[in-house]
Amino acid sequence: MSAYADHIATVRARFDAALAATGYESVLIYAGQPRVAFLDDNPAPYKVNPLFKYWVPVIESPKSAIFYQPGEKPVVFLFQPRDFWHAEVKVPEEEWQQYVELVVIDEQDKMTAWLGDKIKSAAFIGEDFAEPVASWPVKARNPANLIDHLHFHRAIKTAWEVDNMRHANRLAAKAHLAARDAFVAGASELEIHHAYLAAINFRESQVPYNSIVALNEHGAVLHYDVYETQAPAQSRSFLIDAGALYRGYCADITRTYARESGFFAELIESMDEAQQALLAEIKPGINYYELHVSQHLKIAKILADYGFVNGTAESIYEQGYTSAFFPHGLGHFIGLQVHDVGGFLANDRGDTIARDPRHPFLRLLRDVEIGQAFTIEPGLYVVDQLLEAHQGNADFNWDRIAQLRPYGGIRIEDSIVVGENGHNENLTRDAFASLA
């Protein structure tokens, strides 16, 4: 069997189990449709329902849907309206079409007519803010127990999913190298952003999230996406957090660069070594929270070694100092979504794992399992808002911290697929290596 054949068999089995566990006979998965701006008729960029593209690699056909009843072939209703205002959505003939019943419709009423009374026993998954979807007579809308069951199990990726993520990472790595070269050439943030998109021939709406393209102190803004149009008088540092999509699957890569050798370049190298040391600790059976704490201890050592904070790694972490420099979580699941779901689910019944108030922004608290895909993205920043709580603390070397402030910060992010006994696949570093 092909990788996709194995994948859709797995998806069917997971939906069979979820439907049986929650008492629903069938499911209707709506691809979604664009929302228009308030008091306007211009739509925002369309993003497909992730559970729709879980079945088929179709990401640009809004108003489509999938109907699935265990024991029967899934039915894909592909919406292609007769519309002289817009270009027709082209869906090439591909392998996935062999495993579904494909029904092309130009009006949504034709789908409900085809389904007849079957729609009344279906659990609906998707957005339903617009008519006629809002009035469809389904049995339930987005039932949490069904969605939780699906989300828990899709943390384990199929071979087809991993291959799509490999492709996405190669695209993103190529674009990252183009962005790095633009930084070296003295480009502005907007020019670097354009270089990134041009390298892989993407429109801005085709990347999975707003790219973070930050020069100098902007690297300390965790979700910076302003894009200054003028290059600074002196480009000291560059942090880029940007991804790509392939068949609906995401890459999410962060790299940080120094303009010149010296203090900041050495700090980047130390952070990279700490991140790679943490990567070597990933193996099935440990909890992701343990990895997060381990990374904090490594960053605490860097804070001590570089003279930012006085103390041992253990004392710096225990006193909570590392959270002022590394405030976000170590990483998150990745796949159909950049921040893939299910990170707090204890089981497929929807029970959740309590968040630790000390690390409230950590998105993943599950045990590590073979087949999971997640990011590892430690950071070290000068965020004045977080440092305010420590003003006057003699353990902090404020003059040394001030030396780092003009560089903003450092983040390094790779995506990992967990293998047996620590034999993991680093999708990101493999992608960069393939381009060397």
Protein backbone atom coordinates (compact mmCIF):
# COMPACT_ATOMS: atom_id res chain seq x y z
CA MET A 1 0.00 0.00 0.00
CA SER A 2 1.05 3.56 -0.59
CA ALA A 3 1.74 5.98 2.26
CA TYR A 4 -1.51 7.82 1.54
CA ALA A 5 -3.50 4.55 1.47
CA ASP A 6 -2.10 3.70 4.90
CA HIS A 7 -2.86 7.24 6.08
CA ILE A 8 -6.52 7.30 5.08
CA ALA A 9 -6.97 3.80 6.54
CA THR A 10 -5.62 5.17 9.83
CA VAL A 11 -7.88 8.22 9.63
CA ARG A 12 -10.90 6.03 8.99
CA ALA A 13 -10.00 3.80 11.93
CA ARG A 14 -9.59 6.80 14.22
CA PHE A 15 -12.96 8.22 13.16
CA ASP A 16 -14.58 4.79 13.54
CA ALA A 17 -13.32 4.58 17.11
CA ALA A 18 -14.28 8.17 17.93
CA LEU A 19 -17.81 7.78 16.55
CA ALA A 20 -18.31 4.47 18.36
CA ALA A 21 -17.04 5.94 21.65
CA THR A 22 -19.32 8.98 21.45
CA GLY A 23 -22.47 7.41 20.00
CA TYR A 24 -22.65 9.19 16.65
CA GLU A 25 -23.52 7.34 13.45
CA SER A 26 -21.64 9.60 11.05
CA VAL A 27 -19.75 12.85 10.72
CA LEU A 28 -19.99 15.82 8.36
CA ILE A 29 -16.76 17.83 8.21
CA TYR A 30 -17.15 21.29 6.69
CA ALA A 31 -14.10 22.85 5.04
CA GLY A 32 -15.19 26.32 6.11
CA GLN A 33 -15.55 29.54 4.16
CA PRO A 34 -14.06 33.05 4.30
CA ARG A 35 -15.40 35.64 6.72
CA VAL A 36 -15.89 39.18 5.52
CA ALA A 37 -14.67 42.24 7.38
CA PHE A 38 -17.15 44.16 9.53
CA LEU A 39 -19.40 46.44 7.42
CA ASP A 40 -17.58 45.31 4.30
CA ASP A 41 -17.71 42.63 1.66
CA ASN A 42 -13.98 41.89 1.43
CA PRO A 43 -13.16 38.45 2.83
CA ALA A 44 -10.23 37.64 5.06
CA PRO A 45 -7.78 34.96 3.86
CA TYR A 46 -9.41 31.54 4.01
CA LYS A 47 -7.98 28.82 6.24
CA VAL A 48 -9.36 25.32 5.84
CA ASN A 49 -10.71 23.27 8.76
CA PRO A 50 -7.73 21.09 9.83
CA LEU A 51 -9.95 18.03 10.22
CA PHE A 52 -11.01 18.42 6.58
CA LYS A 53 -7.44 18.39 5.27
CA TYR A 54 -6.71 15.46 7.61
CA TRP A 55 -8.63 13.36 5.09
CA VAL A 56 -7.63 14.93 1.79
CA PRO A 57 -4.89 17.41 0.76
CA VAL A 58 -7.35 20.05 -0.42
CA ILE A 59 -6.79 23.41 1.26
CA GLU A 60 -8.26 25.99 -1.13
CA SER A 61 -11.82 24.79 -1.78
CA PRO A 62 -14.09 26.60 0.69
CA LYS A 63 -17.68 25.41 1.16
CA SER A 64 -16.64 21.83 0.49
CA ALA A 65 -17.39 19.02 2.95
CA ILE A 66 -16.70 15.38 3.77
CA PHE A 67 -19.37 12.93 4.90
CA TYR A 68 -18.19 9.74 6.57
CA GLN A 69 -20.17 6.81 7.91
CA PRO A 70 -18.20 3.80 9.23
CA GLY A 71 -18.13 0.93 6.79
CA GLU A 72 -18.76 3.17 3.80
CA LYS A 73 -16.48 5.12 1.50
CA PRO A 74 -15.99 8.74 2.57
CA VAL A 75 -17.83 11.18 0.32
CA VAL A 76 -16.00 14.38 -0.61
CA PHE A 77 -18.34 17.15 -1.77
CA LEU A 78 -16.04 19.43 -3.75
CA PHE A 79 -17.59 22.86 -4.12
CA GLN A 80 -16.91 24.44 -7.51
CA PRO A 81 -19.47 27.19 -8.12
CA ARG A 82 -20.42 28.59 -11.48
CA ASP A 83 -18.94 32.01 -10.85
CA PHE A 84 -17.70 34.52 -13.40
CA TRP A 85 -16.33 36.78 -10.63
CA HIS A 86 -13.61 34.43 -9.42
CA ALA A 87 -11.17 31.96 -10.92
CA GLU A 88 -12.24 28.34 -10.71
CA VAL A 89 -10.53 26.31 -8.01
CA LYS A 90 -8.45 23.67 -9.75
CA VAL A 91 -8.03 20.35 -7.97
CA PRO A 92 -5.67 18.11 -9.94
CA GLU A 93 -6.31 14.40 -10.26
CA GLU A 94 -4.37 12.72 -7.46
CA GLU A 95 -4.17 9.45 -5.57
CA TRP A 96 -6.53 10.49 -2.77
CA GLN A 97 -9.45 10.52 -5.20
CA GLN A 98 -9.19 6.72 -5.51
CA TYR A 99 -10.15 6.30 -1.85
CA VAL A 100 -13.21 8.56 -1.72
CA GLU A 101 -16.44 9.07 -3.58
CA LEU A 102 -15.95 12.46 -5.20
CA VAL A 103 -19.07 14.54 -5.78
CA VAL A 104 -18.57 17.91 -7.45
CA ILE A 105 -21.27 20.45 -6.58
CA ASP A 106 -21.90 24.03 -7.63
CA GLU A 107 -24.57 24.72 -4.99
CA GLN A 108 -24.55 23.64 -1.35
CA ASP A 109 -28.18 22.59 -1.55
CA LYS A 110 -27.10 19.81 -3.88
CA MET A 111 -25.01 18.33 -1.06
CA THR A 112 -27.87 18.32 1.43
CA ALA A 113 -30.17 16.87 -1.22
CA TRP A 114 -27.65 14.09 -1.87
CA LEU A 115 -27.41 13.32 1.85
CA GLY A 116 -31.15 13.41 2.49
CA ASP A 117 -32.06 12.13 5.95
CA LYS A 118 -28.45 11.02 6.59
CA ILE A 119 -27.58 14.56 7.59
CA LYS A 120 -29.91 14.31 10.59
CA SER A 121 -27.79 11.63 12.25
CA ALA A 122 -24.43 13.29 11.53
CA ALA A 123 -22.17 15.12 13.96
CA PHE A 124 -21.08 18.35 12.29
CA ILE A 125 -17.48 19.57 12.67
CA GLY A 126 -16.58 23.01 11.41
CA GLU A 127 -17.55 26.67 11.41
CA ASP A 128 -21.25 27.37 10.99
CA PHE A 129 -21.48 31.16 11.12
CA ALA A 130 -23.11 31.45 7.68
CA GLU A 131 -26.24 30.16 5.99
CA PRO A 132 -27.22 27.65 4.83
CA VAL A 133 -24.72 25.81 7.04
CA ALA A 134 -26.12 27.34 10.23
CA SER A 135 -29.52 25.77 9.52
CA TRP A 136 -28.44 22.29 8.45
CA PRO A 137 -30.45 19.78 10.53
CA VAL A 138 -27.47 17.86 11.92
CA LYS A 139 -27.61 15.84 15.13
CA ALA A 140 -24.88 17.83 16.93
CA ARG A 141 -22.50 20.68 16.20
CA ASN A 142 -18.84 20.37 17.16
CA PRO A 143 -19.43 17.92 20.02
CA ALA A 144 -16.48 18.25 22.38
CA ASN A 145 -16.27 14.54 23.19
CA LEU A 146 -15.93 13.60 19.52
CA ILE A 147 -13.38 16.32 18.78
CA ASP A 148 -11.32 15.49 21.90
CA HIS A 149 -11.17 11.84 20.88
CA LEU A 150 -9.90 12.75 17.42
CA HIS A 151 -7.44 15.35 18.68
CA PHE A 152 -5.89 13.00 21.21
CA HIS A 153 -5.03 10.37 18.62
CA ARG A 154 -3.91 12.59 15.78
CA ALA A 155 -0.88 13.57 17.86
CA ILE A 156 0.64 10.37 16.44
CA LYS A 157 1.57 11.09 12.84
CA THR A 158 1.29 8.68 9.93
CA ALA A 159 4.18 8.16 7.51
CA TRP A 160 2.32 10.21 4.90
CA GLU A 161 1.96 13.11 7.32
CA VAL A 162 5.64 13.03 8.24
CA ASP A 163 6.64 13.02 4.58
CA ASN A 164 4.51 16.10 3.96
CA MET A 165 6.18 17.79 6.91
CA ARG A 166 9.60 16.94 5.47
CA HIS A 167 8.63 18.73 2.26
CA ALA A 168 7.29 21.71 4.19
CA ASN A 169 10.52 21.99 6.15
CA ARG A 170 12.62 21.90 2.99
CA LEU A 171 10.55 24.75 1.57
CA ALA A 172 10.87 26.77 4.75
CA ALA A 173 14.60 26.11 5.05
CA LYS A 174 15.16 27.35 1.51
CA ALA A 175 13.25 30.53 2.30
CA HIS A 176 15.12 30.97 5.59
CA LEU A 177 18.45 30.93 3.77
CA ALA A 178 17.18 33.59 1.37
CA ALA A 179 16.06 35.72 4.32
CA ARG A 180 19.43 35.31 6.02
CA ASP A 181 21.19 36.45 2.85
CA ALA A 182 18.92 39.49 2.63
CA PHE A 183 19.81 40.38 6.24
CA VAL A 184 23.51 40.10 5.47
CA ALA A 185 22.96 42.38 2.46
CA GLY A 186 21.47 45.06 4.73
CA ALA A 187 17.80 44.74 3.77
CA SER A 188 14.88 46.11 5.77
CA GLU A 189 12.47 43.81 7.57
CA LEU A 190 9.90 44.17 4.78
CA GLU A 191 12.54 43.43 2.13
CA ILE A 192 13.65 40.36 4.06
CA HIS A 193 10.03 39.22 4.26
CA HIS A 194 9.66 39.64 0.50
CA ALA A 195 12.88 37.68 -0.07
CA TYR A 196 11.48 34.84 2.06
CA LEU A 197 8.27 34.60 0.05
CA ALA A 198 10.03 34.95 -3.32
CA ALA A 199 12.42 32.10 -2.55
CA ILE A 200 9.55 29.60 -2.49
CA ASN A 201 7.13 31.49 -4.76
CA PHE A 202 4.49 31.89 -2.05
CA ARG A 203 1.86 34.55 -1.52
CA GLU A 204 1.67 35.94 2.00
CA SER A 205 -1.65 34.15 2.56
CA GLN A 206 -0.02 30.80 1.73
CA VAL A 207 2.35 30.65 4.70
CA PRO A 208 0.88 28.99 7.81
CA TYR A 209 1.28 32.01 10.10
CA ASN A 210 2.49 35.61 10.08
CA SER A 211 6.25 35.45 9.80
CA ILE A 212 8.32 37.08 12.53
CA VAL A 213 11.06 39.10 10.82
CA ALA A 214 12.84 41.05 13.54
CA LEU A 215 15.99 43.13 13.39
CA ASN A 216 17.90 44.26 16.45
CA GLU A 217 15.79 44.93 19.57
CA HIS A 218 12.64 43.79 17.75
CA GLY A 219 13.82 40.22 18.42
CA ALA A 220 12.63 40.69 22.01
CA VAL A 221 8.99 40.98 20.86
CA LEU A 222 7.88 37.37 20.83
CA HIS A 223 5.26 37.71 18.07
CA TYR A 224 6.74 40.71 16.27
CA ASP A 225 5.24 41.11 12.78
CA VAL A 226 5.39 44.83 11.98
CA TYR A 227 8.00 44.74 9.15
CA GLU A 228 9.73 48.11 9.14
CA THR A 229 10.10 49.41 5.60
CA GLN A 230 13.44 51.13 6.23
CA ALA A 231 16.59 49.27 7.22
CA PRO A 232 18.07 50.43 10.54
CA ALA A 233 21.25 52.45 10.49
CA GLN A 234 22.99 49.43 12.00
CA SER A 235 21.68 45.87 11.66
CA ARG A 236 23.16 44.05 14.62
CA SER A 237 20.98 40.97 14.84
CA PHE A 238 18.22 39.11 13.02
CA LEU A 239 15.57 36.74 14.41
CA ILE A 240 13.24 35.03 11.95
CA ASP A 241 10.38 32.70 12.87
CA ALA A 242 8.70 31.62 9.65
CA GLY A 243 7.24 28.49 8.08
CA ALA A 244 5.73 26.91 5.01
CA LEU A 245 2.88 24.62 4.01
CA TYR A 246 2.93 21.45 1.92
CA ARG A 247 -0.31 19.55 1.29
CA GLY A 248 -1.75 21.29 4.32
CA TYR A 249 1.08 20.34 6.69
CA CYS A 250 3.19 22.94 8.47
CA ALA A 251 6.81 23.79 9.00
CA ASP A 252 7.73 26.17 11.81
CA ILE A 253 11.39 27.23 11.98
CA THR A 254 13.20 29.89 13.97
CA ARG A 255 16.80 30.99 13.55
CA THR A 256 18.82 33.90 14.95
CA TYR A 257 21.85 35.54 13.33
CA ALA A 258 24.51 38.03 14.39
CA ARG A 259 25.92 40.64 12.04
CA GLU A 260 29.44 40.33 13.42
CA SER A 261 31.49 37.92 15.48
CA GLY A 262 31.78 38.60 19.19
CA PHE A 263 29.50 38.58 22.22
CA PHE A 264 26.11 38.04 20.55
CA ALA A 265 27.41 35.51 18.02
CA GLU A 266 28.94 33.52 20.88
CA LEU A 267 25.65 33.68 22.79
CA ILE A 268 23.78 32.30 19.77
CA GLU A 269 26.28 29.45 19.58
CA SER A 270 25.78 28.65 23.27
CA MET A 271 22.01 28.67 22.84
CA ASP A 272 22.31 26.37 19.84
CA GLU A 273 24.46 23.96 21.84
CA ALA A 274 21.93 24.01 24.68
CA GLN A 275 19.08 23.32 22.29
CA GLN A 276 20.91 20.40 20.68
CA ALA A 277 21.77 18.98 24.10
CA LEU A 278 18.06 19.07 24.94
CA LEU A 279 17.23 17.34 21.65
CA ALA A 280 19.40 14.42 22.75
CA GLU A 281 17.17 13.94 25.82
CA ILE A 282 13.99 13.30 23.84
CA LYS A 283 12.81 9.71 24.11
CA PRO A 284 9.51 7.88 24.59
CA GLY A 285 8.21 7.70 28.14
CA ILE A 286 9.42 11.00 29.53
CA ASN A 287 7.02 13.90 29.94
CA TYR A 288 7.38 16.99 27.78
CA TYR A 289 7.27 19.09 30.95
CA GLU A 290 10.54 17.45 32.01
CA LEU A 291 12.12 18.64 28.77
CA HIS A 292 10.86 22.16 29.42
CA VAL A 293 12.44 22.23 32.90
CA SER A 294 15.67 20.74 31.58
CA GLN A 295 15.88 23.50 28.99
CA HIS A 296 15.31 26.13 31.68
CA LEU A 297 18.26 24.72 33.63
CA LYS A 298 20.44 24.90 30.53
CA ILE A 299 19.42 28.51 29.95
CA ALA A 300 20.10 29.24 33.62
CA LYS A 301 23.65 28.03 33.11
CA ILE A 302 24.02 30.34 30.11
CA LEU A 303 22.73 33.25 32.20
CA ALA A 304 25.38 32.47 34.80
CA ASP A 305 28.20 31.77 32.33
CA TYR A 306 27.63 35.05 30.49
CA GLY A 307 27.27 37.07 33.66
CA PHE A 308 23.65 38.11 33.26
CA VAL A 309 22.59 36.63 36.59
CA ASN A 310 24.60 35.55 39.63
CA GLY A 311 24.23 32.04 40.99
CA THR A 312 24.28 28.39 40.00
CA ALA A 313 22.00 27.06 37.28
CA GLU A 314 19.86 25.37 39.95
CA SER A 315 19.52 28.47 42.13
CA ILE A 316 18.76 30.72 39.16
CA TYR A 317 15.97 28.38 38.03
CA GLU A 318 14.57 27.74 41.51
CA GLN A 319 14.22 31.48 42.15
CA GLY A 320 12.25 31.86 38.92
CA TYR A 321 14.81 34.09 37.25
CA THR A 322 14.92 32.11 34.00
CA SER A 323 11.26 32.93 33.27
CA ALA A 324 12.19 36.60 32.92
CA PHE A 325 14.46 35.67 30.01
CA PHE A 326 12.64 32.59 28.65
CA PRO A 327 8.92 33.29 29.23
CA HIS A 328 7.29 31.06 26.62
CA GLY A 329 6.90 27.31 26.39
CA LEU A 330 9.57 25.01 25.03
CA GLY A 331 7.38 24.03 22.08
CA HIS A 332 4.14 22.52 20.84
CA PHE A 333 2.70 19.77 18.70
CA ILE A 334 2.91 20.50 14.97
CA GLY A 335 1.27 19.02 11.89
CA LEU A 336 -2.01 20.06 10.32
CA GLN A 337 -1.76 23.19 12.45
CA VAL A 338 1.30 25.15 13.51
CA HIS A 339 0.15 24.87 17.12
CA ASP A 340 -1.36 21.45 16.73
CA VAL A 341 -3.98 20.49 19.26
CA GLY A 342 -4.21 17.91 22.03
CA GLY A 343 -1.25 19.04 24.11
CA PHE A 344 -3.27 19.09 27.35
CA LEU A 345 -5.37 15.96 26.77
CA ALA A 346 -4.73 13.16 29.25
CA ASN A 347 -6.74 10.63 27.23
CA ASP A 348 -9.24 10.38 24.39
CA ARG A 349 -12.17 10.88 26.77
CA GLY A 350 -11.35 14.57 27.08
CA ASP A 351 -9.76 14.58 30.54
CA THR A 352 -7.14 17.31 30.69
CA ILE A 353 -3.74 17.74 32.32
CA ALA A 354 -3.60 20.68 34.72
CA ARG A 355 -1.27 23.47 33.67
CA ASP A 356 1.58 24.41 35.98
CA PRO A 357 1.09 28.03 37.11
CA ARG A 358 4.86 28.48 37.04
CA HIS A 359 4.98 27.77 33.30
CA PRO A 360 1.53 28.90 32.11
CA PHE A 361 2.46 29.30 28.44
CA LEU A 362 3.68 25.75 27.88
CA ARG A 363 1.41 24.24 25.20
CA LEU A 364 2.31 20.58 25.68
CA LEU A 365 2.14 18.48 28.86
CA ARG A 366 1.79 14.95 27.53
CA ASP A 367 4.18 12.04 27.75
CA VAL A 368 6.48 11.69 24.75
CA GLU A 369 5.40 8.86 22.40
CA ILE A 370 6.78 7.36 19.21
CA GLY A 371 5.27 9.12 16.22
CA GLN A 372 4.60 12.46 17.90
CA ALA A 373 5.81 15.58 16.12
CA PHE A 374 6.60 18.69 18.14
CA THR A 375 8.85 21.71 18.19
CA ILE A 376 11.76 22.49 20.47
CA GLU A 377 12.25 26.27 20.61
CA PRO A 378 14.16 27.70 23.56
CA GLY A 379 14.63 31.45 23.75
CA LEU A 380 16.57 34.08 25.63
CA TYR A 381 15.43 37.71 25.42
CA VAL A 382 15.66 41.09 27.11
CA VAL A 383 11.99 41.90 27.76
CA ASP A 384 11.86 44.99 29.95
CA GLN A 385 8.29 44.32 31.02
CA LEU A 386 9.37 41.00 32.55
CA LEU A 387 12.53 42.40 34.10
CA GLU A 388 10.58 45.11 35.96
CA ALA A 389 9.64 42.59 38.64
CA HIS A 390 13.36 42.13 39.43
CA GLN A 391 14.43 45.78 39.53
CA GLY A 392 16.87 46.34 42.38
CA ASN A 393 17.73 42.63 42.64
CA ALA A 394 21.50 42.39 43.11
CA ASP A 395 21.52 38.92 41.53
CA PHE A 396 20.90 40.59 38.17
CA ASN A 397 23.89 42.22 36.48
CA TRP A 398 22.05 45.13 34.90
CA ASP A 399 25.04 46.52 32.99
CA ARG A 400 25.59 43.15 31.35
CA ILE A 401 21.88 42.82 30.51
CA ALA A 402 22.03 46.28 28.95
CA GLN A 403 24.70 44.99 26.56
CA LEU A 404 22.24 42.40 25.26
CA ARG A 405 19.23 44.71 24.98
CA PRO A 406 20.14 46.21 21.53
CA TYR A 407 20.19 42.68 20.07
CA GLY A 408 16.70 41.81 21.29
CA GLY A 409 16.99 38.09 21.82
CA ILE A 410 17.60 34.61 20.51
CA ARG A 411 15.25 31.77 19.58
CA ILE A 412 16.18 28.52 17.83
CA GLU A 413 13.38 26.17 16.75
CA ASP A 414 13.40 22.71 15.21
CA SER A 415 10.60 20.20 14.57
CA ILE A 416 11.15 16.68 15.86
CA VAL A 417 9.46 13.37 15.04
CA VAL A 418 9.91 10.95 17.93
CA GLY A 419 11.47 7.58 17.13
CA GLU A 420 12.43 4.54 19.18
CA ASN A 421 15.00 4.84 21.97
CA GLY A 422 15.96 8.40 21.16
CA HIS A 423 16.44 7.80 17.43
CA ASN A 424 14.43 10.87 16.49
CA GLU A 425 14.13 12.68 13.18
CA ASN A 426 14.97 16.37 13.15
CA LEU A 427 12.90 17.60 10.23
CA THR A 428 14.39 21.08 10.39
CA ARG A 429 18.10 20.37 10.57
CA ASP A 430 17.74 17.62 7.96
CA ALA A 431 16.07 20.15 5.66
CA PHE A 432 18.93 22.64 6.06
CA ALA A 433 21.46 19.85 5.54
CA SER A 434 19.78 18.84 2.27
CA LEU A 435 20.33 22.37 0.95
CA ALA A 436 23.99 22.62 1.95
